[in-house]
């Protein structure tokens, strides 16, 4: 099995003699050309990101717009439900900006030439997940184990599973950009920036330790970014239609009314009217992209009481 993060993923350790983890020889790779910019915050899971996405992405846009240069190409790795809110290239003043989400990032080569990765929002697993994984590999434990989930000197193997799962996921995400490509005999990659928000406290520190373990000689710097700091207002380049397609791709079947879309994207009345005009054109690229997802534009009622919506088929 080829798994670049096998040295971090605790599940291989839980297999014991059923798995032989081959360590990467020392000196093969040198990540000193990679700068890892680290910020911390209290809540960075899926629920918090959905709840606080609009304010957090506005703050992120303002912060990155002051740090990034026009020639940079940026990949955002976020939760699926907030992917449509990622800043566009014009918002940041960069050459390109793309987004992907957890569950769709591992193994992708689509962004191999990008020089910057931004990770905000981490793929925490449910508390029960750690118990299920441990039982699957080590057998069902007695009631006392739930109060003292230790294993081979690890005081809390459930927490360790969570930490190492997050570290492995982050390393996989970081590996989608150009740091994987070796450019010389010393094992360097081209200069690469990675911006990440980690949890506060010991959990964040342990995750960072595993990242450093997997990226030898990586340069770690504090990132002066507060996701939940003072509210900021930013200008956005209208509504890039690919954002709407992404949004609808992740919606459940049924109707999504235009007033909800307007609030979600912060559209002004004239912007919403322009969008509706576009959606009435069945041959427009946006309409065709939505149609491929099983999404069509419609309305109910007449006059001022009419309500327009996008209908996603089951």
C-alpha atoms as a PDB file:
ATOM      1  CA  UNK A   1       0.000   0.000   0.000  1.00  0.00           C
ATOM      2  CA  UNK A   2       1.410   3.390  -1.009  1.00  0.00           C
ATOM      3  CA  UNK A   3       0.495   5.969   1.636  1.00  0.00           C
ATOM      4  CA  UNK A   4       2.760   8.977   2.096  1.00  0.00           C
ATOM      5  CA  UNK A   5       1.243   9.671   5.521  1.00  0.00           C
ATOM      6  CA  UNK A   6       1.554   6.119   6.902  1.00  0.00           C
ATOM      7  CA  UNK A   7       4.089   7.324   9.460  1.00  0.00           C
ATOM      8  CA  UNK A   8       1.486   9.636  10.977  1.00  0.00           C
ATOM      9  CA  UNK A   9      -1.751   7.677  10.615  1.00  0.00           C
ATOM     10  CA  UNK A  10      -2.182   5.729  13.877  1.00  0.00           C
ATOM     11  CA  UNK A  11      -4.404   3.097  12.246  1.00  0.00           C
ATOM     12  CA  UNK A  12      -1.313   1.383  10.805  1.00  0.00           C
ATOM     13  CA  UNK A  13       0.157   1.137  14.318  1.00  0.00           C
ATOM     14  CA  UNK A  14      -3.090  -0.391  15.546  1.00  0.00           C
ATOM     15  CA  UNK A  15      -2.674  -3.159  12.948  1.00  0.00           C
ATOM     16  CA  UNK A  16       0.535  -4.157  14.804  1.00  0.00           C
ATOM     17  CA  UNK A  17       2.227  -7.142  13.074  1.00  0.00           C
ATOM     18  CA  UNK A  18      -0.280  -6.993  10.208  1.00  0.00           C
ATOM     19  CA  UNK A  19       1.393  -3.835   8.901  1.00  0.00           C
ATOM     20  CA  UNK A  20       5.069  -3.098   8.309  1.00  0.00           C
ATOM     21  CA  UNK A  21       5.594   0.660   7.969  1.00  0.00           C
ATOM     22  CA  UNK A  22       8.653   1.453   5.865  1.00  0.00           C
ATOM     23  CA  UNK A  23      10.122   4.797   6.979  1.00  0.00           C
ATOM     24  CA  UNK A  24      11.217   7.333   4.384  1.00  0.00           C
ATOM     25  CA  UNK A  25      15.034   7.369   4.237  1.00  0.00           C
ATOM     26  CA  UNK A  26      16.537  10.439   5.912  1.00  0.00           C
ATOM     27  CA  UNK A  27      17.753  13.195   3.632  1.00  0.00           C
ATOM     28  CA  UNK A  28      15.555  12.283   0.666  1.00  0.00           C
ATOM     29  CA  UNK A  29      13.423  15.434   0.955  1.00  0.00           C
ATOM     30  CA  UNK A  30      14.167  18.915   2.255  1.00  0.00           C
ATOM     31  CA  UNK A  31      11.244  21.307   2.745  1.00  0.00           C
ATOM     32  CA  UNK A  32      13.253  24.356   3.768  1.00  0.00           C
ATOM     33  CA  UNK A  33      11.738  26.219   0.803  1.00  0.00           C
ATOM     34  CA  UNK A  34       8.271  25.766   2.344  1.00  0.00           C
ATOM     35  CA  UNK A  35       6.992  28.420   4.751  1.00  0.00           C
ATOM     36  CA  UNK A  36       4.184  27.247   7.029  1.00  0.00           C
ATOM     37  CA  UNK A  37       2.240  30.244   8.366  1.00  0.00           C
ATOM     38  CA  UNK A  38       0.315  29.145  11.480  1.00  0.00           C
ATOM     39  CA  UNK A  39      -2.601  30.902  13.178  1.00  0.00           C
ATOM     40  CA  UNK A  40      -4.686  29.509  16.069  1.00  0.00           C
ATOM     41  CA  UNK A  41      -8.328  29.694  17.053  1.00  0.00           C
ATOM     42  CA  UNK A  42     -10.764  28.002  19.437  1.00  0.00           C
ATOM     43  CA  UNK A  43     -13.320  26.502  17.035  1.00  0.00           C
ATOM     44  CA  UNK A  44     -12.265  25.284  13.612  1.00  0.00           C
ATOM     45  CA  UNK A  45     -14.521  22.282  12.889  1.00  0.00           C
ATOM     46  CA  UNK A  46     -17.333  21.960  10.353  1.00  0.00           C
ATOM     47  CA  UNK A  47     -20.125  23.335  12.560  1.00  0.00           C
ATOM     48  CA  UNK A  48     -18.160  26.446  13.548  1.00  0.00           C
ATOM     49  CA  UNK A  49     -17.071  27.071   9.952  1.00  0.00           C
ATOM     50  CA  UNK A  50     -20.655  26.909   8.676  1.00  0.00           C
ATOM     51  CA  UNK A  51     -21.833  29.206  11.455  1.00  0.00           C
ATOM     52  CA  UNK A  52     -19.041  31.777  11.104  1.00  0.00           C
ATOM     53  CA  UNK A  53     -18.069  31.388   7.435  1.00  0.00           C
ATOM     54  CA  UNK A  54     -19.120  34.795   6.097  1.00  0.00           C
ATOM     55  CA  UNK A  55     -17.208  36.801   8.718  1.00  0.00           C
ATOM     56  CA  UNK A  56     -14.212  34.472   8.700  1.00  0.00           C
ATOM     57  CA  UNK A  57     -13.783  34.500   4.931  1.00  0.00           C
ATOM     58  CA  UNK A  58     -14.090  38.287   4.871  1.00  0.00           C
ATOM     59  CA  UNK A  59     -11.301  38.532   7.467  1.00  0.00           C
ATOM     60  CA  UNK A  60      -9.272  35.952   5.537  1.00  0.00           C
ATOM     61  CA  UNK A  61      -9.645  37.880   2.283  1.00  0.00           C
ATOM     62  CA  UNK A  62      -8.495  41.127   3.881  1.00  0.00           C
ATOM     63  CA  UNK A  63      -5.498  39.427   5.516  1.00  0.00           C
ATOM     64  CA  UNK A  64      -4.309  37.481   2.468  1.00  0.00           C
ATOM     65  CA  UNK A  65      -4.807  40.393   0.057  1.00  0.00           C
ATOM     66  CA  UNK A  66      -2.069  42.210   1.994  1.00  0.00           C
ATOM     67  CA  UNK A  67       0.310  39.223   1.943  1.00  0.00           C
ATOM     68  CA  UNK A  68      -0.002  37.635  -1.489  1.00  0.00           C
ATOM     69  CA  UNK A  69       1.626  38.870  -4.677  1.00  0.00           C
ATOM     70  CA  UNK A  70      -0.027  39.118  -8.126  1.00  0.00           C
ATOM     71  CA  UNK A  71       1.800  36.113  -9.584  1.00  0.00           C
ATOM     72  CA  UNK A  72       0.718  33.643  -6.897  1.00  0.00           C
ATOM     73  CA  UNK A  73      -1.700  30.749  -7.465  1.00  0.00           C
ATOM     74  CA  UNK A  74      -3.694  29.831  -4.379  1.00  0.00           C
ATOM     75  CA  UNK A  75      -5.493  26.623  -3.429  1.00  0.00           C
ATOM     76  CA  UNK A  76      -8.035  26.779  -0.601  1.00  0.00           C
ATOM     77  CA  UNK A  77      -8.908  23.581   1.278  1.00  0.00           C
ATOM     78  CA  UNK A  78     -12.123  24.020   3.260  1.00  0.00           C
ATOM     79  CA  UNK A  79     -15.309  22.240   4.276  1.00  0.00           C
ATOM     80  CA  UNK A  80     -17.674  21.379   1.443  1.00  0.00           C
ATOM     81  CA  UNK A  81     -20.580  23.441   2.762  1.00  0.00           C
ATOM     82  CA  UNK A  82     -18.554  26.694   2.686  1.00  0.00           C
ATOM     83  CA  UNK A  83     -16.493  26.115  -0.462  1.00  0.00           C
ATOM     84  CA  UNK A  84     -18.605  28.574  -2.459  1.00  0.00           C
ATOM     85  CA  UNK A  85     -17.560  31.438  -0.136  1.00  0.00           C
ATOM     86  CA  UNK A  86     -13.828  31.180  -0.848  1.00  0.00           C
ATOM     87  CA  UNK A  87     -12.392  34.481  -2.196  1.00  0.00           C
ATOM     88  CA  UNK A  88     -11.861  34.657  -5.951  1.00  0.00           C
ATOM     89  CA  UNK A  89      -8.567  35.555  -7.646  1.00  0.00           C
ATOM     90  CA  UNK A  90      -9.767  39.130  -8.316  1.00  0.00           C
ATOM     91  CA  UNK A  91     -10.707  39.516  -4.645  1.00  0.00           C
ATOM     92  CA  UNK A  92      -7.144  38.659  -3.606  1.00  0.00           C
ATOM     93  CA  UNK A  93      -5.274  40.257  -6.493  1.00  0.00           C
ATOM     94  CA  UNK A  94      -3.564  36.982  -7.463  1.00  0.00           C
ATOM     95  CA  UNK A  95      -3.068  35.052 -10.693  1.00  0.00           C
ATOM     96  CA  UNK A  96      -5.409  32.189  -9.780  1.00  0.00           C
ATOM     97  CA  UNK A  97      -7.510  30.991  -6.850  1.00  0.00           C
ATOM     98  CA  UNK A  98      -9.206  27.603  -6.637  1.00  0.00           C
ATOM     99  CA  UNK A  99     -10.990  25.678  -3.920  1.00  0.00           C
ATOM    100  CA  UNK A 100     -11.501  22.064  -2.972  1.00  0.00           C
ATOM    101  CA  UNK A 101     -12.949  20.359   0.079  1.00  0.00           C
ATOM    102  CA  UNK A 102     -12.102  17.593   2.504  1.00  0.00           C
ATOM    103  CA  UNK A 103     -12.953  14.229   1.003  1.00  0.00           C
ATOM    104  CA  UNK A 104     -12.093  15.397  -2.525  1.00  0.00           C
ATOM    105  CA  UNK A 105      -8.488  16.501  -2.076  1.00  0.00           C
ATOM    106  CA  UNK A 106      -6.389  13.375  -1.412  1.00  0.00           C
ATOM    107  CA  UNK A 107      -4.379  12.249  -4.430  1.00  0.00           C
ATOM    108  CA  UNK A 108      -5.415  15.078  -6.749  1.00  0.00           C
ATOM    109  CA  UNK A 109      -2.817  16.419  -9.203  1.00  0.00           C
ATOM    110  CA  UNK A 110      -5.013  19.237 -10.481  1.00  0.00           C
ATOM    111  CA  UNK A 111      -3.187  21.905  -8.457  1.00  0.00           C
ATOM    112  CA  UNK A 112       0.383  20.577  -8.708  1.00  0.00           C
ATOM    113  CA  UNK A 113       1.711  23.875 -10.101  1.00  0.00           C
ATOM    114  CA  UNK A 114       0.104  26.118  -7.455  1.00  0.00           C
ATOM    115  CA  UNK A 115       2.559  27.805  -5.101  1.00  0.00           C
ATOM    116  CA  UNK A 116       0.249  28.553  -2.166  1.00  0.00           C
ATOM    117  CA  UNK A 117      -2.161  26.521  -0.024  1.00  0.00           C
ATOM    118  CA  UNK A 118      -4.640  27.944   2.486  1.00  0.00           C
ATOM    119  CA  UNK A 119      -6.283  25.560   4.961  1.00  0.00           C
ATOM    120  CA  UNK A 120      -9.079  26.876   7.148  1.00  0.00           C
ATOM    121  CA  UNK A 121     -11.526  24.480   8.778  1.00  0.00           C
ATOM    122  CA  UNK A 122     -10.326  20.998   9.802  1.00  0.00           C
ATOM    123  CA  UNK A 123     -11.989  17.590   9.201  1.00  0.00           C
ATOM    124  CA  UNK A 124     -12.602  16.499  12.783  1.00  0.00           C
ATOM    125  CA  UNK A 125     -14.122  13.065  13.205  1.00  0.00           C
ATOM    126  CA  UNK A 126     -17.000  12.290  15.561  1.00  0.00           C
ATOM    127  CA  UNK A 127     -16.015  11.305  19.117  1.00  0.00           C
ATOM    128  CA  UNK A 128     -17.362   7.781  18.530  1.00  0.00           C
ATOM    129  CA  UNK A 129     -15.075   7.338  15.510  1.00  0.00           C
ATOM    130  CA  UNK A 130     -11.956   6.845  17.635  1.00  0.00           C
ATOM    131  CA  UNK A 131     -13.654   4.156  19.710  1.00  0.00           C
ATOM    132  CA  UNK A 132     -14.906   2.349  16.605  1.00  0.00           C
ATOM    133  CA  UNK A 133     -11.465   2.399  14.962  1.00  0.00           C
ATOM    134  CA  UNK A 134      -9.736   1.094  18.080  1.00  0.00           C
ATOM    135  CA  UNK A 135     -12.278  -1.706  18.527  1.00  0.00           C
ATOM    136  CA  UNK A 136     -12.009  -2.649  14.834  1.00  0.00           C
ATOM    137  CA  UNK A 137      -8.248  -3.246  15.104  1.00  0.00           C
ATOM    138  CA  UNK A 138      -7.798  -4.217  18.751  1.00  0.00           C
ATOM    139  CA  UNK A 139     -11.104  -5.882  19.585  1.00  0.00           C
ATOM    140  CA  UNK A 140     -13.993  -4.752  21.767  1.00  0.00           C
ATOM    141  CA  UNK A 141     -12.843  -3.418  25.136  1.00  0.00           C
ATOM    142  CA  UNK A 142     -14.502  -3.546  28.534  1.00  0.00           C
ATOM    143  CA  UNK A 143     -16.436  -0.706  30.154  1.00  0.00           C
ATOM    144  CA  UNK A 144     -13.370   0.492  32.074  1.00  0.00           C
ATOM    145  CA  UNK A 145     -11.567   1.292  28.811  1.00  0.00           C
ATOM    146  CA  UNK A 146     -14.083   4.049  28.019  1.00  0.00           C
ATOM    147  CA  UNK A 147     -12.995   5.911  31.152  1.00  0.00           C
ATOM    148  CA  UNK A 148      -9.303   5.170  30.557  1.00  0.00           C
ATOM    149  CA  UNK A 149      -8.763   4.720  26.782  1.00  0.00           C
ATOM    150  CA  UNK A 150      -5.051   3.929  27.026  1.00  0.00           C
ATOM    151  CA  UNK A 151      -2.916   1.721  24.770  1.00  0.00           C
ATOM    152  CA  UNK A 152       0.807   0.970  24.749  1.00  0.00           C
ATOM    153  CA  UNK A 153       1.723   3.951  26.912  1.00  0.00           C
ATOM    154  CA  UNK A 154      -0.659   6.354  25.177  1.00  0.00           C
ATOM    155  CA  UNK A 155      -2.878   7.857  27.880  1.00  0.00           C
ATOM    156  CA  UNK A 156      -5.760   8.725  25.529  1.00  0.00           C
ATOM    157  CA  UNK A 157      -5.644   6.761  22.290  1.00  0.00           C
ATOM    158  CA  UNK A 158      -8.954   8.283  21.125  1.00  0.00           C
ATOM    159  CA  UNK A 159      -7.474  11.787  21.243  1.00  0.00           C
ATOM    160  CA  UNK A 160      -4.285  10.520  19.598  1.00  0.00           C
ATOM    161  CA  UNK A 161      -6.310   9.009  16.752  1.00  0.00           C
ATOM    162  CA  UNK A 162      -8.001  12.374  16.223  1.00  0.00           C
ATOM    163  CA  UNK A 163      -4.718  14.315  16.277  1.00  0.00           C
ATOM    164  CA  UNK A 164      -2.963  11.997  13.871  1.00  0.00           C
ATOM    165  CA  UNK A 165      -5.947  11.777  11.545  1.00  0.00           C
ATOM    166  CA  UNK A 166      -5.977  15.579  11.331  1.00  0.00           C
ATOM    167  CA  UNK A 167      -2.213  15.747  10.801  1.00  0.00           C
ATOM    168  CA  UNK A 168      -2.369  13.133   8.021  1.00  0.00           C
ATOM    169  CA  UNK A 169      -5.272  14.950   6.340  1.00  0.00           C
ATOM    170  CA  UNK A 170      -3.403  18.265   6.495  1.00  0.00           C
ATOM    171  CA  UNK A 171      -0.216  16.769   5.044  1.00  0.00           C
ATOM    172  CA  UNK A 172      -2.269  15.254   2.218  1.00  0.00           C
ATOM    173  CA  UNK A 173      -3.877  18.647   1.540  1.00  0.00           C
ATOM    174  CA  UNK A 174      -0.546  20.476   1.604  1.00  0.00           C
ATOM    175  CA  UNK A 175       0.802  17.917  -0.838  1.00  0.00           C
ATOM    176  CA  UNK A 176      -1.643  18.968  -3.553  1.00  0.00           C
ATOM    177  CA  UNK A 177       0.459  22.045  -4.415  1.00  0.00           C
ATOM    178  CA  UNK A 178       3.963  22.146  -5.845  1.00  0.00           C
ATOM    179  CA  UNK A 179       5.977  21.192  -2.760  1.00  0.00           C
ATOM    180  CA  UNK A 180       5.740  17.534  -3.844  1.00  0.00           C
ATOM    181  CA  UNK A 181       7.872  18.200  -6.943  1.00  0.00           C
ATOM    182  CA  UNK A 182      11.624  17.818  -6.392  1.00  0.00           C
ATOM    183  CA  UNK A 183      13.729  20.446  -8.209  1.00  0.00           C
ATOM    184  CA  UNK A 184      17.313  19.458  -7.279  1.00  0.00           C
ATOM    185  CA  UNK A 185      19.476  16.615  -5.977  1.00  0.00           C
ATOM    186  CA  UNK A 186      19.103  17.850  -2.376  1.00  0.00           C
ATOM    187  CA  UNK A 187      15.357  17.112  -2.490  1.00  0.00           C
ATOM    188  CA  UNK A 188      14.171  20.717  -2.374  1.00  0.00           C
ATOM    189  CA  UNK A 189      10.907  21.947  -3.879  1.00  0.00           C
ATOM    190  CA  UNK A 190      10.177  25.363  -5.372  1.00  0.00           C
ATOM    191  CA  UNK A 191       9.305  28.079  -2.815  1.00  0.00           C
ATOM    192  CA  UNK A 192       5.833  27.389  -1.423  1.00  0.00           C
ATOM    193  CA  UNK A 193       3.610  29.141   1.126  1.00  0.00           C
ATOM    194  CA  UNK A 194       1.109  27.302   3.308  1.00  0.00           C
ATOM    195  CA  UNK A 195      -1.334  29.207   5.525  1.00  0.00           C
ATOM    196  CA  UNK A 196      -3.178  27.162   8.124  1.00  0.00           C
ATOM    197  CA  UNK A 197      -5.412  27.754  11.156  1.00  0.00           C
ATOM    198  CA  UNK A 198      -4.849  25.158  13.887  1.00  0.00           C
ATOM    199  CA  UNK A 199      -6.694  24.587  17.170  1.00  0.00           C
ATOM    200  CA  UNK A 200      -5.421  26.346  20.268  1.00  0.00           C
ATOM    201  CA  UNK A 201      -3.821  24.388  23.098  1.00  0.00           C
ATOM    202  CA  UNK A 202      -2.072  21.017  23.157  1.00  0.00           C
ATOM    203  CA  UNK A 203      -4.108  19.562  20.307  1.00  0.00           C
ATOM    204  CA  UNK A 204      -2.883  22.201  17.874  1.00  0.00           C
ATOM    205  CA  UNK A 205       0.700  21.874  19.102  1.00  0.00           C
ATOM    206  CA  UNK A 206       0.677  18.099  18.650  1.00  0.00           C
ATOM    207  CA  UNK A 207      -0.785  18.386  15.140  1.00  0.00           C
ATOM    208  CA  UNK A 208       1.960  20.877  14.258  1.00  0.00           C
ATOM    209  CA  UNK A 209       4.605  18.498  15.626  1.00  0.00           C
ATOM    210  CA  UNK A 210       3.421  15.732  13.288  1.00  0.00           C
ATOM    211  CA  UNK A 211       3.345  18.110  10.317  1.00  0.00           C
ATOM    212  CA  UNK A 212       6.947  19.114  11.010  1.00  0.00           C
ATOM    213  CA  UNK A 213       7.869  15.448  11.277  1.00  0.00           C
ATOM    214  CA  UNK A 214       6.481  14.787   7.787  1.00  0.00           C
ATOM    215  CA  UNK A 215       8.006  17.945   6.257  1.00  0.00           C
ATOM    216  CA  UNK A 216      11.669  17.953   7.345  1.00  0.00           C
ATOM    217  CA  UNK A 217      13.202  21.426   7.705  1.00  0.00           C
ATOM    218  CA  UNK A 218       9.932  23.238   6.973  1.00  0.00           C
ATOM    219  CA  UNK A 219      10.050  26.880   8.099  1.00  0.00           C
ATOM    220  CA  UNK A 220       7.258  27.607  10.603  1.00  0.00           C
ATOM    221  CA  UNK A 221       6.161  31.186  11.229  1.00  0.00           C
ATOM    222  CA  UNK A 222       3.388  32.766  13.272  1.00  0.00           C
ATOM    223  CA  UNK A 223       0.571  34.040  11.087  1.00  0.00           C
ATOM    224  CA  UNK A 224      -1.018  37.196  12.422  1.00  0.00           C
ATOM    225  CA  UNK A 225      -4.594  36.275  11.551  1.00  0.00           C
ATOM    226  CA  UNK A 226      -7.559  36.249  13.916  1.00  0.00           C
ATOM    227  CA  UNK A 227     -10.535  34.478  12.282  1.00  0.00           C
ATOM    228  CA  UNK A 228     -12.960  35.867  14.866  1.00  0.00           C
ATOM    229  CA  UNK A 229     -11.417  39.284  15.397  1.00  0.00           C
ATOM    230  CA  UNK A 230     -13.048  42.637  14.640  1.00  0.00           C
ATOM    231  CA  UNK A 231     -15.560  42.379  11.818  1.00  0.00           C
ATOM    232  CA  UNK A 232     -14.273  43.619   8.480  1.00  0.00           C
ATOM    233  CA  UNK A 233     -16.011  44.663   5.279  1.00  0.00           C
ATOM    234  CA  UNK A 234     -14.459  43.681   1.967  1.00  0.00           C
ATOM    235  CA  UNK A 235     -15.302  44.293  -1.655  1.00  0.00           C
ATOM    236  CA  UNK A 236     -16.081  41.239  -3.751  1.00  0.00           C
ATOM    237  CA  UNK A 237     -16.016  40.903  -7.516  1.00  0.00           C
ATOM    238  CA  UNK A 238     -19.752  40.359  -7.896  1.00  0.00           C
ATOM    239  CA  UNK A 239     -20.849  36.728  -8.075  1.00  0.00           C
ATOM    240  CA  UNK A 240     -18.494  34.509 -10.062  1.00  0.00           C
ATOM    241  CA  UNK A 241     -20.971  32.053 -11.515  1.00  0.00           C
ATOM    242  CA  UNK A 242     -18.776  29.068 -10.717  1.00  0.00           C
ATOM    243  CA  UNK A 243     -19.435  29.850  -7.035  1.00  0.00           C
ATOM    244  CA  UNK A 244     -23.151  29.394  -7.605  1.00  0.00           C
ATOM    245  CA  UNK A 245     -22.527  26.092  -9.394  1.00  0.00           C
ATOM    246  CA  UNK A 246     -20.374  24.920  -6.481  1.00  0.00           C
ATOM    247  CA  UNK A 247     -23.040  26.004  -4.003  1.00  0.00           C
ATOM    248  CA  UNK A 248     -25.786  24.099  -5.813  1.00  0.00           C
ATOM    249  CA  UNK A 249     -23.592  21.029  -6.270  1.00  0.00           C
ATOM    250  CA  UNK A 250     -23.507  20.695  -2.480  1.00  0.00           C
ATOM    251  CA  UNK A 251     -27.185  21.482  -1.871  1.00  0.00           C
ATOM    252  CA  UNK A 252     -29.753  18.803  -1.129  1.00  0.00           C
ATOM    253  CA  UNK A 253     -32.510  18.099  -3.704  1.00  0.00           C
ATOM    254  CA  UNK A 254     -35.435  20.521  -3.699  1.00  0.00           C
ATOM    255  CA  UNK A 255     -35.965  24.251  -4.073  1.00  0.00           C
ATOM    256  CA  UNK A 256     -33.421  26.915  -3.159  1.00  0.00           C
ATOM    257  CA  UNK A 257     -35.098  30.315  -3.322  1.00  0.00           C
ATOM    258  CA  UNK A 258     -33.296  33.293  -4.805  1.00  0.00           C
ATOM    259  CA  UNK A 259     -33.695  35.351  -1.637  1.00  0.00           C
ATOM    260  CA  UNK A 260     -31.616  32.697   0.188  1.00  0.00           C
ATOM    261  CA  UNK A 261     -28.983  32.788  -2.572  1.00  0.00           C
ATOM    262  CA  UNK A 262     -28.952  36.576  -2.359  1.00  0.00           C
ATOM    263  CA  UNK A 263     -28.291  36.465   1.396  1.00  0.00           C
ATOM    264  CA  UNK A 264     -25.717  33.699   1.101  1.00  0.00           C
ATOM    265  CA  UNK A 265     -23.639  35.657  -1.410  1.00  0.00           C
ATOM    266  CA  UNK A 266     -24.423  39.150  -0.123  1.00  0.00           C
ATOM    267  CA  UNK A 267     -25.955  40.234  -3.437  1.00  0.00           C
ATOM    268  CA  UNK A 268     -27.345  43.703  -3.888  1.00  0.00           C
ATOM    269  CA  UNK A 269     -30.788  43.995  -5.562  1.00  0.00           C
ATOM    270  CA  UNK A 270     -29.333  44.836  -8.985  1.00  0.00           C
ATOM    271  CA  UNK A 271     -26.855  41.948  -8.742  1.00  0.00           C
ATOM    272  CA  UNK A 272     -29.651  39.544  -7.938  1.00  0.00           C
ATOM    273  CA  UNK A 273     -31.671  40.802 -10.913  1.00  0.00           C
ATOM    274  CA  UNK A 274     -28.663  40.360 -13.194  1.00  0.00           C
ATOM    275  CA  UNK A 275     -28.228  36.822 -11.936  1.00  0.00           C
ATOM    276  CA  UNK A 276     -31.896  35.990 -12.529  1.00  0.00           C
ATOM    277  CA  UNK A 277     -31.626  37.364 -16.061  1.00  0.00           C
ATOM    278  CA  UNK A 278     -28.668  35.054 -16.635  1.00  0.00           C
ATOM    279  CA  UNK A 279     -30.528  32.049 -15.244  1.00  0.00           C
ATOM    280  CA  UNK A 280     -33.501  32.662 -17.548  1.00  0.00           C
ATOM    281  CA  UNK A 281     -31.147  32.135 -20.494  1.00  0.00           C
ATOM    282  CA  UNK A 282     -31.146  28.357 -20.893  1.00  0.00           C
ATOM    283  CA  UNK A 283     -28.107  28.476 -23.172  1.00  0.00           C
ATOM    284  CA  UNK A 284     -25.903  30.519 -20.839  1.00  0.00           C
ATOM    285  CA  UNK A 285     -22.818  28.660 -19.564  1.00  0.00           C
ATOM    286  CA  UNK A 286     -24.050  28.946 -15.963  1.00  0.00           C
ATOM    287  CA  UNK A 287     -27.475  27.519 -16.840  1.00  0.00           C
ATOM    288  CA  UNK A 288     -25.846  24.648 -18.723  1.00  0.00           C
ATOM    289  CA  UNK A 289     -23.486  23.898 -15.834  1.00  0.00           C
ATOM    290  CA  UNK A 290     -26.426  23.863 -13.420  1.00  0.00           C
ATOM    291  CA  UNK A 291     -28.457  21.692 -15.770  1.00  0.00           C
ATOM    292  CA  UNK A 292     -25.654  19.126 -15.710  1.00  0.00           C
ATOM    293  CA  UNK A 293     -26.226  18.957 -11.934  1.00  0.00           C
ATOM    294  CA  UNK A 294     -29.965  18.481 -12.410  1.00  0.00           C
ATOM    295  CA  UNK A 295     -30.675  22.101 -11.420  1.00  0.00           C
ATOM    296  CA  UNK A 296     -33.201  24.285 -13.257  1.00  0.00           C
ATOM    297  CA  UNK A 297     -34.492  27.818 -12.744  1.00  0.00           C
ATOM    298  CA  UNK A 298     -38.189  28.419 -12.043  1.00  0.00           C
ATOM    299  CA  UNK A 299     -40.686  30.677 -10.312  1.00  0.00           C
ATOM    300  CA  UNK A 300     -44.050  30.531  -8.593  1.00  0.00           C
ATOM    301  CA  UNK A 301     -46.758  33.173  -8.401  1.00  0.00           C
ATOM    302  CA  UNK A 302     -47.070  36.350 -10.432  1.00  0.00           C
ATOM    303  CA  UNK A 303     -46.193  40.019 -10.096  1.00  0.00           C
ATOM    304  CA  UNK A 304     -44.540  41.359  -6.958  1.00  0.00           C
ATOM    305  CA  UNK A 305     -45.446  38.209  -5.052  1.00  0.00           C
ATOM    306  CA  UNK A 306     -43.573  35.923  -7.441  1.00  0.00           C
ATOM    307  CA  UNK A 307     -40.803  33.832  -5.932  1.00  0.00           C
ATOM    308  CA  UNK A 308     -37.936  32.576  -8.062  1.00  0.00           C
ATOM    309  CA  UNK A 309     -35.897  29.521  -7.184  1.00  0.00           C
ATOM    310  CA  UNK A 310     -33.425  26.914  -8.359  1.00  0.00           C
ATOM    311  CA  UNK A 311     -34.851  23.402  -8.305  1.00  0.00           C
ATOM    312  CA  UNK A 312     -32.471  20.501  -7.824  1.00  0.00           C
ATOM    313  CA  UNK A 313     -33.818  17.143  -8.947  1.00  0.00           C
ATOM    314  CA  UNK A 314     -33.673  14.098  -6.667  1.00  0.00           C
END
